[in-house]
PDB file of all heavy atoms in Angstrom:
ATOM      1  N   GLY A   1       8.404 -71.719  24.185  1.00  0.00           N
ATOM      2  CA  GLY A   1       7.692 -70.593  24.729  1.00  0.00           C
ATOM      3  C   GLY A   1       6.861 -69.802  23.751  1.00  0.00           C
ATOM      4  O   GLY A   1       6.554 -68.563  23.893  1.00  0.00           O
ATOM      5  N   GLN A   2       6.281 -70.519  22.787  1.00  0.00           N
ATOM      6  CA  GLN A   2       5.673 -69.765  21.728  1.00  0.00           C
ATOM      7  C   GLN A   2       4.125 -69.333  21.952  1.00  0.00           C
ATOM      8  O   GLN A   2       3.695 -68.393  21.422  1.00  0.00           O
ATOM      9  CB  GLN A   2       5.555 -70.667  20.388  1.00  0.00           C
ATOM     10  CG  GLN A   2       4.810 -72.049  20.614  1.00  0.00           C
ATOM     11  CD  GLN A   2       5.010 -72.975  19.446  1.00  0.00           C
ATOM     12  OE1 GLN A   2       4.742 -72.556  18.389  1.00  0.00           O
ATOM     13  NE2 GLN A   2       5.491 -74.152  19.641  1.00  0.00           N
ATOM     14  N   LYS A   3       3.505 -70.051  22.920  1.00  0.00           N
ATOM     15  CA  LYS A   3       2.106 -69.732  23.172  1.00  0.00           C
ATOM     16  C   LYS A   3       1.783 -69.779  24.646  1.00  0.00           C
ATOM     17  O   LYS A   3       2.293 -70.606  25.303  1.00  0.00           O
ATOM     18  CB  LYS A   3       1.074 -70.550  22.486  1.00  0.00           C
ATOM     19  CG  LYS A   3       1.383 -70.702  21.029  1.00  0.00           C
ATOM     20  CD  LYS A   3       0.418 -71.753  20.245  1.00  0.00           C
ATOM     21  CE  LYS A   3       0.630 -71.890  18.867  1.00  0.00           C
ATOM     22  NZ  LYS A   3      -0.121 -73.039  18.246  1.00  0.00           N
ATOM     23  N   ASP A   4       0.938 -68.741  25.174  1.00  0.00           N
ATOM     24  CA  ASP A   4       0.652 -68.759  26.485  1.00  0.00           C
ATOM     25  C   ASP A   4      -0.504 -67.841  26.785  1.00  0.00           C
ATOM     26  O   ASP A   4      -0.880 -66.975  25.824  1.00  0.00           O
ATOM     27  CB  ASP A   4       1.936 -68.268  27.281  1.00  0.00           C
ATOM     28  CG  ASP A   4       1.833 -68.539  28.726  1.00  0.00           C
ATOM     29  OD1 ASP A   4       0.820 -69.206  29.157  1.00  0.00           O
ATOM     30  OD2 ASP A   4       2.783 -68.198  29.515  1.00  0.00           O
ATOM     31  N   SER A   5      -1.055 -67.870  27.972  1.00  0.00           N
ATOM     32  CA  SER A   5      -1.945 -66.772  28.311  1.00  0.00           C
ATOM     33  C   SER A   5      -1.048 -65.734  28.982  1.00  0.00           C
ATOM     34  O   SER A   5       0.062 -65.915  29.216  1.00  0.00           O
ATOM     35  CB  SER A   5      -2.974 -67.317  29.370  1.00  0.00           C
ATOM     36  OG  SER A   5      -2.392 -68.243  30.263  1.00  0.00           O
ATOM     37  N   CYS A   6      -1.720 -64.499  29.266  1.00  0.00           N
ATOM     38  CA  CYS A   6      -0.882 -63.351  29.682  1.00  0.00           C
ATOM     39  C   CYS A   6      -1.620 -62.526  30.597  1.00  0.00           C
ATOM     40  O   CYS A   6      -2.772 -62.832  31.158  1.00  0.00           O
ATOM     41  CB  CYS A   6      -0.394 -62.636  28.502  1.00  0.00           C
ATOM     42  SG  CYS A   6       1.242 -61.736  28.752  1.00  0.00           S
ATOM     43  N   GLN A   7      -1.048 -61.331  31.013  1.00  0.00           N
ATOM     44  CA  GLN A   7      -1.628 -60.483  31.964  1.00  0.00           C
ATOM     45  C   GLN A   7      -3.133 -60.124  31.487  1.00  0.00           C
ATOM     46  O   GLN A   7      -3.342 -59.818  30.341  1.00  0.00           O
ATOM     47  CB  GLN A   7      -0.855 -59.260  32.124  1.00  0.00           C
ATOM     48  CG  GLN A   7       0.607 -59.379  32.710  1.00  0.00           C
ATOM     49  CD  GLN A   7       1.625 -59.219  31.510  1.00  0.00           C
ATOM     50  OE1 GLN A   7       1.503 -60.031  30.638  1.00  0.00           O
ATOM     51  NE2 GLN A   7       2.523 -58.253  31.685  1.00  0.00           N
ATOM     52  N   GLY A   8      -4.029 -60.136  32.499  1.00  0.00           N
ATOM     53  CA  GLY A   8      -5.384 -59.785  32.217  1.00  0.00           C
ATOM     54  C   GLY A   8      -6.244 -61.049  31.994  1.00  0.00           C
ATOM     55  O   GLY A   8      -7.459 -61.003  31.893  1.00  0.00           O
ATOM     56  N   ASP A   9      -5.628 -62.235  31.737  1.00  0.00           N
ATOM     57  CA  ASP A   9      -6.323 -63.491  31.513  1.00  0.00           C
ATOM     58  C   ASP A   9      -6.685 -64.253  32.773  1.00  0.00           C
ATOM     59  O   ASP A   9      -7.448 -65.220  32.742  1.00  0.00           O
ATOM     60  CB  ASP A   9      -5.601 -64.392  30.577  1.00  0.00           C
ATOM     61  CG  ASP A   9      -5.540 -63.834  29.171  1.00  0.00           C
ATOM     62  OD1 ASP A   9      -6.462 -63.205  28.762  1.00  0.00           O
ATOM     63  OD2 ASP A   9      -4.616 -64.076  28.450  1.00  0.00           O
ATOM     64  N   SER A  10      -6.245 -63.819  33.842  1.00  0.00           N
ATOM     65  CA  SER A  10      -6.372 -64.407  35.119  1.00  0.00           C
ATOM     66  C   SER A  10      -7.904 -64.706  35.363  1.00  0.00           C
ATOM     67  O   SER A  10      -8.676 -63.848  35.182  1.00  0.00           O
ATOM     68  CB  SER A  10      -5.841 -63.735  36.351  1.00  0.00           C
ATOM     69  OG  SER A  10      -4.389 -63.782  36.472  1.00  0.00           O
ATOM     70  N   GLY A  11      -8.211 -65.868  36.070  1.00  0.00           N
ATOM     71  CA  GLY A  11      -9.528 -66.257  36.287  1.00  0.00           C
ATOM     72  C   GLY A  11     -10.341 -66.810  35.124  1.00  0.00           C
ATOM     73  O   GLY A  11     -11.489 -67.309  35.255  1.00  0.00           O
ATOM     74  N   GLY A  12      -9.693 -66.684  33.963  1.00  0.00           N
ATOM     75  CA  GLY A  12     -10.447 -67.229  32.715  1.00  0.00           C
ATOM     76  C   GLY A  12     -10.281 -68.738  32.564  1.00  0.00           C
ATOM     77  O   GLY A  12      -9.569 -69.494  33.439  1.00  0.00           O
ATOM     78  N   PRO A  13     -10.954 -69.355  31.650  1.00  0.00           N
ATOM     79  CA  PRO A  13     -10.980 -70.772  31.580  1.00  0.00           C
ATOM     80  C   PRO A  13      -9.916 -71.377  30.691  1.00  0.00           C
ATOM     81  O   PRO A  13      -9.464 -70.822  29.654  1.00  0.00           O
ATOM     82  CB  PRO A  13     -12.474 -70.918  30.762  1.00  0.00           C
ATOM     83  CG  PRO A  13     -12.598 -69.778  29.925  1.00  0.00           C
ATOM     84  CD  PRO A  13     -11.831 -68.614  30.783  1.00  0.00           C
ATOM     85  N   LEU A  14      -9.589 -72.638  31.014  1.00  0.00           N
ATOM     86  CA  LEU A  14      -8.733 -73.609  30.236  1.00  0.00           C
ATOM     87  C   LEU A  14      -9.713 -74.680  30.058  1.00  0.00           C
ATOM     88  O   LEU A  14     -10.086 -75.342  30.928  1.00  0.00           O
ATOM     89  CB  LEU A  14      -7.493 -73.939  30.921  1.00  0.00           C
ATOM     90  CG  LEU A  14      -6.691 -74.905  30.093  1.00  0.00           C
ATOM     91  CD1 LEU A  14      -6.054 -74.107  28.956  1.00  0.00           C
ATOM     92  CD2 LEU A  14      -5.560 -75.560  30.946  1.00  0.00           C
ATOM     93  N   ILE A  15     -10.106 -74.846  28.699  1.00  0.00           N
ATOM     94  CA  ILE A  15     -11.106 -75.840  28.480  1.00  0.00           C
ATOM     95  C   ILE A  15     -10.544 -77.051  27.463  1.00  0.00           C
ATOM     96  O   ILE A  15      -9.659 -76.859  26.955  1.00  0.00           O
ATOM     97  CB  ILE A  15     -12.397 -75.352  27.830  1.00  0.00           C
ATOM     98  CG1 ILE A  15     -11.939 -74.661  26.407  1.00  0.00           C
ATOM     99  CG2 ILE A  15     -12.996 -74.299  28.667  1.00  0.00           C
ATOM    100  CD1 ILE A  15     -13.084 -74.162  25.595  1.00  0.00           C
ATOM    101  N   ALA A  16     -11.223 -78.250  27.564  1.00  0.00           N
ATOM    102  CA  ALA A  16     -10.806 -79.354  26.727  1.00  0.00           C
ATOM    103  C   ALA A  16     -12.125 -80.025  26.198  1.00  0.00           C
ATOM    104  O   ALA A  16     -13.198 -79.965  26.761  1.00  0.00           O
ATOM    105  CB  ALA A  16     -10.039 -80.289  27.478  1.00  0.00           C
ATOM    106  N   GLU A  17     -12.047 -80.459  24.957  1.00  0.00           N
ATOM    107  CA  GLU A  17     -13.176 -81.100  24.249  1.00  0.00           C
ATOM    108  C   GLU A  17     -13.398 -82.512  24.803  1.00  0.00           C
ATOM    109  O   GLU A  17     -12.341 -83.317  24.949  1.00  0.00           O
ATOM    110  CB  GLU A  17     -12.992 -81.078  22.777  1.00  0.00           C
ATOM    111  CG  GLU A  17     -14.226 -81.639  22.008  1.00  0.00           C
ATOM    112  CD  GLU A  17     -13.975 -81.542  20.516  1.00  0.00           C
ATOM    113  OE1 GLU A  17     -13.017 -82.219  20.116  1.00  0.00           O
ATOM    114  OE2 GLU A  17     -14.724 -80.884  19.879  1.00  0.00           O
ATOM    115  N   ARG A  18     -14.611 -82.881  25.081  1.00  0.00           N
ATOM    116  CA  ARG A  18     -14.926 -84.193  25.594  1.00  0.00           C
ATOM    117  C   ARG A  18     -15.089 -84.975  24.390  1.00  0.00           C
ATOM    118  O   ARG A  18     -15.726 -84.616  23.406  1.00  0.00           O
ATOM    119  CB  ARG A  18     -16.099 -84.213  26.427  1.00  0.00           C
ATOM    120  CG  ARG A  18     -16.071 -83.305  27.633  1.00  0.00           C
ATOM    121  CD  ARG A  18     -17.219 -83.654  28.685  1.00  0.00           C
ATOM    122  NE  ARG A  18     -18.488 -83.508  28.125  1.00  0.00           N
ATOM    123  CZ  ARG A  18     -19.526 -83.246  28.906  1.00  0.00           C
ATOM    124  NH1 ARG A  18     -19.466 -82.978  30.203  1.00  0.00           N
ATOM    125  NH2 ARG A  18     -20.828 -83.114  28.373  1.00  0.00           N
ATOM    126  N   LYS A  19     -14.500 -86.266  24.506  1.00  0.00           N
ATOM    127  CA  LYS A  19     -14.631 -87.198  23.302  1.00  0.00           C
ATOM    128  C   LYS A  19     -15.991 -87.741  22.952  1.00  0.00           C
ATOM    129  O   LYS A  19     -16.483 -87.921  21.845  1.00  0.00           O
ATOM    130  CB  LYS A  19     -13.681 -88.377  23.456  1.00  0.00           C
ATOM    131  CG  LYS A  19     -12.156 -87.977  23.406  1.00  0.00           C
ATOM    132  CD  LYS A  19     -11.244 -89.215  23.637  1.00  0.00           C
ATOM    133  CE  LYS A  19      -9.771 -88.686  23.633  1.00  0.00           C
ATOM    134  NZ  LYS A  19      -8.938 -90.013  23.926  1.00  0.00           N
ATOM    135  N   GLN A  20     -16.811 -88.002  24.135  1.00  0.00           N
ATOM    136  CA  GLN A  20     -18.052 -88.606  23.939  1.00  0.00           C
ATOM    137  C   GLN A  20     -19.098 -87.758  23.276  1.00  0.00           C
ATOM    138  O   GLN A  20     -20.008 -88.252  22.480  1.00  0.00           O
ATOM    139  CB  GLN A  20     -18.626 -89.172  25.289  1.00  0.00           C
ATOM    140  CG  GLN A  20     -18.961 -87.993  26.239  1.00  0.00           C
ATOM    141  CD  GLN A  20     -17.786 -87.623  27.226  1.00  0.00           C
ATOM    142  OE1 GLN A  20     -16.692 -87.790  26.756  1.00  0.00           O
ATOM    143  NE2 GLN A  20     -18.131 -87.249  28.383  1.00  0.00           N
ATOM    144  N   ASP A  21     -19.103 -86.418  23.445  1.00  0.00           N
ATOM    145  CA  ASP A  21     -20.133 -85.690  22.882  1.00  0.00           C
ATOM    146  C   ASP A  21     -19.735 -84.327  22.157  1.00  0.00           C
ATOM    147  O   ASP A  21     -20.591 -83.507  21.744  1.00  0.00           O
ATOM    148  CB  ASP A  21     -21.245 -85.261  23.979  1.00  0.00           C
ATOM    149  CG  ASP A  21     -20.722 -84.564  25.073  1.00  0.00           C
ATOM    150  OD1 ASP A  21     -19.503 -84.144  25.089  1.00  0.00           O
ATOM    151  OD2 ASP A  21     -21.290 -84.314  26.204  1.00  0.00           O
ATOM    152  N   LYS A  22     -18.311 -84.128  22.100  1.00  0.00           N
ATOM    153  CA  LYS A  22     -17.767 -82.976  21.453  1.00  0.00           C
ATOM    154  C   LYS A  22     -18.042 -81.699  22.241  1.00  0.00           C
ATOM    155  O   LYS A  22     -17.883 -80.572  21.560  1.00  0.00           O
ATOM    156  CB  LYS A  22     -18.119 -82.998  19.998  1.00  0.00           C
ATOM    157  CG  LYS A  22     -17.793 -84.150  19.145  1.00  0.00           C
ATOM    158  CD  LYS A  22     -16.325 -84.376  19.157  1.00  0.00           C
ATOM    159  CE  LYS A  22     -15.881 -85.684  18.418  1.00  0.00           C
ATOM    160  NZ  LYS A  22     -14.494 -85.862  18.444  1.00  0.00           N
ATOM    161  N   ARG A  23     -18.658 -81.722  23.363  1.00  0.00           N
ATOM    162  CA  ARG A  23     -18.807 -80.535  24.188  1.00  0.00           C
ATOM    163  C   ARG A  23     -17.561 -80.280  24.994  1.00  0.00           C
ATOM    164  O   ARG A  23     -16.762 -81.163  25.082  1.00  0.00           O
ATOM    165  CB  ARG A  23     -20.063 -80.622  25.042  1.00  0.00           C
ATOM    166  CG  ARG A  23     -21.463 -80.527  24.288  1.00  0.00           C
ATOM    167  CD  ARG A  23     -22.458 -80.403  25.118  1.00  0.00           C
ATOM    168  NE  ARG A  23     -23.068 -81.679  25.584  1.00  0.00           N
ATOM    169  CZ  ARG A  23     -23.818 -81.744  26.620  1.00  0.00           C
ATOM    170  NH1 ARG A  23     -24.204 -80.735  27.431  1.00  0.00           N
ATOM    171  NH2 ARG A  23     -24.247 -82.991  27.015  1.00  0.00           N
ATOM    172  N   TYR A  24     -17.487 -79.189  25.522  1.00  0.00           N
ATOM    173  CA  TYR A  24     -16.324 -78.657  26.368  1.00  0.00           C
ATOM    174  C   TYR A  24     -16.486 -78.746  27.816  1.00  0.00           C
ATOM    175  O   TYR A  24     -17.547 -78.352  28.394  1.00  0.00           O
ATOM    176  CB  TYR A  24     -15.828 -77.308  25.832  1.00  0.00           C
ATOM    177  CG  TYR A  24     -15.263 -77.408  24.399  1.00  0.00           C
ATOM    178  CD1 TYR A  24     -16.038 -77.449  23.339  1.00  0.00           C
ATOM    179  CD2 TYR A  24     -13.783 -77.521  24.308  1.00  0.00           C
ATOM    180  CE1 TYR A  24     -15.446 -77.563  22.081  1.00  0.00           C
ATOM    181  CE2 TYR A  24     -13.241 -77.460  23.032  1.00  0.00           C
ATOM    182  CZ  TYR A  24     -14.155 -77.587  21.902  1.00  0.00           C
ATOM    183  OH  TYR A  24     -13.476 -77.681  20.596  1.00  0.00           O
ATOM    184  N   GLU A  25     -15.378 -79.049  28.478  1.00  0.00           N
ATOM    185  CA  GLU A  25     -15.469 -78.975  30.024  1.00  0.00           C
ATOM    186  C   GLU A  25     -14.199 -78.134  30.498  1.00  0.00           C
ATOM    187  O   GLU A  25     -13.257 -78.058  29.778  1.00  0.00           O
ATOM    188  CB  GLU A  25     -15.508 -80.386  30.540  1.00  0.00           C
ATOM    189  CG  GLU A  25     -14.176 -81.316  30.277  1.00  0.00           C
ATOM    190  CD  GLU A  25     -14.310 -82.663  30.835  1.00  0.00           C
ATOM    191  OE1 GLU A  25     -15.386 -83.025  31.204  1.00  0.00           O
ATOM    192  OE2 GLU A  25     -13.239 -83.283  30.904  1.00  0.00           O
ATOM    193  N   LEU A  26     -14.576 -77.689  31.691  1.00  0.00           N
ATOM    194  CA  LEU A  26     -13.373 -76.757  32.276  1.00  0.00           C
ATOM    195  C   LEU A  26     -12.443 -77.630  33.028  1.00  0.00           C
ATOM    196  O   LEU A  26     -12.859 -78.307  33.932  1.00  0.00           O
ATOM    197  CB  LEU A  26     -14.196 -75.833  33.256  1.00  0.00           C
ATOM    198  CG  LEU A  26     -13.339 -74.848  33.941  1.00  0.00           C
ATOM    199  CD1 LEU A  26     -12.880 -73.780  32.971  1.00  0.00           C
ATOM    200  CD2 LEU A  26     -14.106 -74.119  35.140  1.00  0.00           C
ATOM    201  N   ILE A  27     -11.209 -77.553  32.505  1.00  0.00           N
ATOM    202  CA  ILE A  27     -10.189 -78.280  33.306  1.00  0.00           C
ATOM    203  C   ILE A  27      -9.235 -77.313  34.104  1.00  0.00           C
ATOM    204  O   ILE A  27      -8.544 -77.968  35.052  1.00  0.00           O
ATOM    205  CB  ILE A  27      -9.299 -79.143  32.292  1.00  0.00           C
ATOM    206  CG1 ILE A  27      -8.522 -78.236  31.456  1.00  0.00           C
ATOM    207  CG2 ILE A  27     -10.272 -79.975  31.473  1.00  0.00           C
ATOM    208  CD1 ILE A  27      -7.561 -79.097  30.534  1.00  0.00           C
ATOM    209  N   GLY A  28      -9.207 -76.058  33.823  1.00  0.00           N
ATOM    210  CA  GLY A  28      -8.261 -75.247  34.517  1.00  0.00           C
ATOM    211  C   GLY A  28      -8.751 -73.817  34.615  1.00  0.00           C
ATOM    212  O   GLY A  28      -9.618 -73.435  33.884  1.00  0.00           O
ATOM    213  N   VAL A  29      -8.334 -73.031  35.619  1.00  0.00           N
ATOM    214  CA  VAL A  29      -8.499 -71.544  35.709  1.00  0.00           C
ATOM    215  C   VAL A  29      -7.225 -70.884  35.689  1.00  0.00           C
ATOM    216  O   VAL A  29      -6.213 -71.350  36.371  1.00  0.00           O
ATOM    217  CB  VAL A  29      -9.132 -71.292  37.164  1.00  0.00           C
ATOM    218  CG1 VAL A  29      -9.421 -69.781  37.248  1.00  0.00           C
ATOM    219  CG2 VAL A  29     -10.485 -72.013  37.337  1.00  0.00           C
ATOM    220  N   VAL A  30      -7.097 -69.957  34.736  1.00  0.00           N
ATOM    221  CA  VAL A  30      -5.764 -69.199  34.570  1.00  0.00           C
ATOM    222  C   VAL A  30      -5.408 -68.660  35.944  1.00  0.00           C
ATOM    223  O   VAL A  30      -6.119 -67.904  36.554  1.00  0.00           O
ATOM    224  CB  VAL A  30      -5.974 -68.066  33.581  1.00  0.00           C
ATOM    225  CG1 VAL A  30      -4.651 -67.244  33.373  1.00  0.00           C
ATOM    226  CG2 VAL A  30      -6.509 -68.659  32.245  1.00  0.00           C
ATOM    227  N   SER A  31      -4.189 -68.999  36.333  1.00  0.00           N
ATOM    228  CA  SER A  31      -3.704 -68.648  37.645  1.00  0.00           C
ATOM    229  C   SER A  31      -2.431 -67.744  37.704  1.00  0.00           C
ATOM    230  O   SER A  31      -2.528 -66.626  37.990  1.00  0.00           O
ATOM    231  CB  SER A  31      -3.443 -69.848  38.463  1.00  0.00           C
ATOM    232  OG  SER A  31      -3.068 -69.639  39.743  1.00  0.00           O
ATOM    233  N   TRP A  32      -1.248 -68.364  37.290  1.00  0.00           N
ATOM    234  CA  TRP A  32      -0.067 -67.562  37.329  1.00  0.00           C
ATOM    235  C   TRP A  32       0.933 -68.126  36.385  1.00  0.00           C
ATOM    236  O   TRP A  32       0.789 -69.008  35.650  1.00  0.00           O
ATOM    237  CB  TRP A  32       0.555 -67.670  38.781  1.00  0.00           C
ATOM    238  CG  TRP A  32       0.902 -68.952  39.262  1.00  0.00           C
ATOM    239  CD1 TRP A  32       0.132 -69.888  39.888  1.00  0.00           C
ATOM    240  CD2 TRP A  32       2.252 -69.514  39.300  1.00  0.00           C
ATOM    241  NE1 TRP A  32       0.878 -71.022  40.235  1.00  0.00           N
ATOM    242  CE2 TRP A  32       2.236 -70.821  39.861  1.00  0.00           C
ATOM    243  CE3 TRP A  32       3.441 -69.026  38.779  1.00  0.00           C
ATOM    244  CZ2 TRP A  32       3.232 -71.575  40.097  1.00  0.00           C
ATOM    245  CZ3 TRP A  32       4.588 -69.816  39.019  1.00  0.00           C
ATOM    246  CH2 TRP A  32       4.553 -71.117  39.486  1.00  0.00           C
ATOM    247  N   GLY A  33       2.095 -67.508  36.351  1.00  0.00           N
ATOM    248  CA  GLY A  33       3.308 -67.889  35.570  1.00  0.00           C
ATOM    249  C   GLY A  33       4.335 -66.812  35.572  1.00  0.00           C
ATOM    250  O   GLY A  33       4.135 -65.693  35.987  1.00  0.00           O
ATOM    251  N   ASN A  34       5.515 -67.169  35.187  1.00  0.00           N
ATOM    252  CA  ASN A  34       6.634 -66.300  35.226  1.00  0.00           C
ATOM    253  C   ASN A  34       6.607 -65.656  33.813  1.00  0.00           C
ATOM    254  O   ASN A  34       7.147 -66.305  32.803  1.00  0.00           O
ATOM    255  CB  ASN A  34       7.847 -67.043  35.425  1.00  0.00           C
ATOM    256  CG  ASN A  34       9.053 -66.106  35.783  1.00  0.00           C
ATOM    257  OD1 ASN A  34       8.943 -64.891  35.444  1.00  0.00           O
ATOM    258  ND2 ASN A  34      10.162 -66.474  36.334  1.00  0.00           N
ATOM    259  N   GLY A  35       6.183 -64.476  33.719  1.00  0.00           N
ATOM    260  CA  GLY A  35       6.067 -63.757  32.362  1.00  0.00           C
ATOM    261  C   GLY A  35       4.960 -64.408  31.544  1.00  0.00           C
ATOM    262  O   GLY A  35       4.096 -65.088  32.051  1.00  0.00           O
ATOM    263  N   CYS A  36       5.104 -64.225  30.214  1.00  0.00           N
ATOM    264  CA  CYS A  36       4.196 -64.844  29.250  1.00  0.00           C
ATOM    265  C   CYS A  36       4.971 -65.463  28.137  1.00  0.00           C
ATOM    266  O   CYS A  36       5.868 -64.721  27.526  1.00  0.00           O
ATOM    267  CB  CYS A  36       3.217 -63.663  28.667  1.00  0.00           C
ATOM    268  SG  CYS A  36       2.423 -62.651  29.894  1.00  0.00           S
ATOM    269  N   ALA A  37       4.810 -66.732  27.917  1.00  0.00           N
ATOM    270  CA  ALA A  37       5.332 -67.553  26.766  1.00  0.00           C
ATOM    271  C   ALA A  37       6.871 -67.489  26.873  1.00  0.00           C
ATOM    272  O   ALA A  37       7.526 -67.575  25.885  1.00  0.00           O
ATOM    273  CB  ALA A  37       4.807 -66.944  25.445  1.00  0.00           C
ATOM    274  N   ARG A  38       7.430 -67.479  28.093  1.00  0.00           N
ATOM    275  CA  ARG A  38       8.781 -67.498  28.267  1.00  0.00           C
ATOM    276  C   ARG A  38       9.247 -68.953  28.153  1.00  0.00           C
ATOM    277  O   ARG A  38       8.653 -69.868  28.581  1.00  0.00           O
ATOM    278  CB  ARG A  38       9.321 -66.921  29.519  1.00  0.00           C
ATOM    279  CG  ARG A  38       9.106 -65.402  29.765  1.00  0.00           C
ATOM    280  CD  ARG A  38       9.712 -64.966  31.039  1.00  0.00           C
ATOM    281  NE  ARG A  38       9.583 -63.540  31.414  1.00  0.00           N
ATOM    282  CZ  ARG A  38       9.811 -62.908  32.483  1.00  0.00           C
ATOM    283  NH1 ARG A  38      10.566 -63.542  33.403  1.00  0.00           N
ATOM    284  NH2 ARG A  38       9.596 -61.712  32.679  1.00  0.00           N
ATOM    285  N   VAL A  39      10.481 -69.125  27.621  1.00  0.00           N
ATOM    286  CA  VAL A  39      11.083 -70.397  27.464  1.00  0.00           C
ATOM    287  C   VAL A  39      11.332 -70.958  28.888  1.00  0.00           C
ATOM    288  O   VAL A  39      11.934 -70.217  29.732  1.00  0.00           O
ATOM    289  CB  VAL A  39      12.345 -70.512  26.651  1.00  0.00           C
ATOM    290  CG1 VAL A  39      13.151 -71.723  26.679  1.00  0.00           C
ATOM    291  CG2 VAL A  39      12.093 -70.002  25.322  1.00  0.00           C
ATOM    292  N   GLY A  40      10.923 -72.175  29.086  1.00  0.00           N
ATOM    293  CA  GLY A  40      10.988 -72.839  30.434  1.00  0.00           C
ATOM    294  C   GLY A  40      10.025 -72.435  31.494  1.00  0.00           C
ATOM    295  O   GLY A  40       9.985 -73.035  32.635  1.00  0.00           O
ATOM    296  N   TYR A  41       9.058 -71.701  31.090  1.00  0.00           N
ATOM    297  CA  TYR A  41       8.024 -71.373  32.003  1.00  0.00           C
ATOM    298  C   TYR A  41       6.634 -71.427  31.488  1.00  0.00           C
ATOM    299  O   TYR A  41       6.028 -70.491  30.861  1.00  0.00           O
ATOM    300  CB  TYR A  41       8.227 -69.899  32.512  1.00  0.00           C
ATOM    301  CG  TYR A  41       9.381 -69.568  33.312  1.00  0.00           C
ATOM    302  CD1 TYR A  41      10.394 -68.988  32.735  1.00  0.00           C
ATOM    303  CD2 TYR A  41       9.407 -70.153  34.687  1.00  0.00           C
ATOM    304  CE1 TYR A  41      11.657 -68.796  33.459  1.00  0.00           C
ATOM    305  CE2 TYR A  41      10.637 -69.851  35.405  1.00  0.00           C
ATOM    306  CZ  TYR A  41      11.698 -69.109  34.808  1.00  0.00           C
ATOM    307  OH  TYR A  41      12.860 -68.955  35.542  1.00  0.00           O
ATOM    308  N   PRO A  42       6.024 -72.662  31.483  1.00  0.00           N
ATOM    309  CA  PRO A  42       4.637 -72.863  30.961  1.00  0.00           C
ATOM    310  C   PRO A  42       3.597 -72.115  31.958  1.00  0.00           C
ATOM    311  O   PRO A  42       4.010 -71.714  32.991  1.00  0.00           O
ATOM    312  CB  PRO A  42       4.491 -74.344  31.084  1.00  0.00           C
ATOM    313  CG  PRO A  42       5.309 -74.775  32.114  1.00  0.00           C
ATOM    314  CD  PRO A  42       6.550 -73.860  32.047  1.00  0.00           C
ATOM    315  N   GLY A  43       2.428 -71.907  31.422  1.00  0.00           N
ATOM    316  CA  GLY A  43       1.301 -71.317  32.182  1.00  0.00           C
ATOM    317  C   GLY A  43       0.855 -72.209  33.230  1.00  0.00           C
ATOM    318  O   GLY A  43       0.829 -73.407  33.051  1.00  0.00           O
ATOM    319  N   VAL A  44       0.496 -71.764  34.366  1.00  0.00           N
ATOM    320  CA  VAL A  44       0.020 -72.628  35.512  1.00  0.00           C
ATOM    321  C   VAL A  44      -1.466 -72.279  35.815  1.00  0.00           C
ATOM    322  O   VAL A  44      -1.832 -71.119  35.843  1.00  0.00           O
ATOM    323  CB  VAL A  44       0.831 -72.284  36.739  1.00  0.00           C
ATOM    324  CG1 VAL A  44       0.443 -73.238  37.896  1.00  0.00           C
ATOM    325  CG2 VAL A  44       2.500 -72.441  36.518  1.00  0.00           C
TER     326      VAL A  44
END
């Protein structure tokens, strides 16, 4: 539970680097979770 997004981050981007050109693409939108960085509860 060491790292997570938290309140106020909703709607923001989760991005990943593309191998072919080192540019970034959007893979997720911050949605919900039980608390922030709690053990057993990853960000969704």
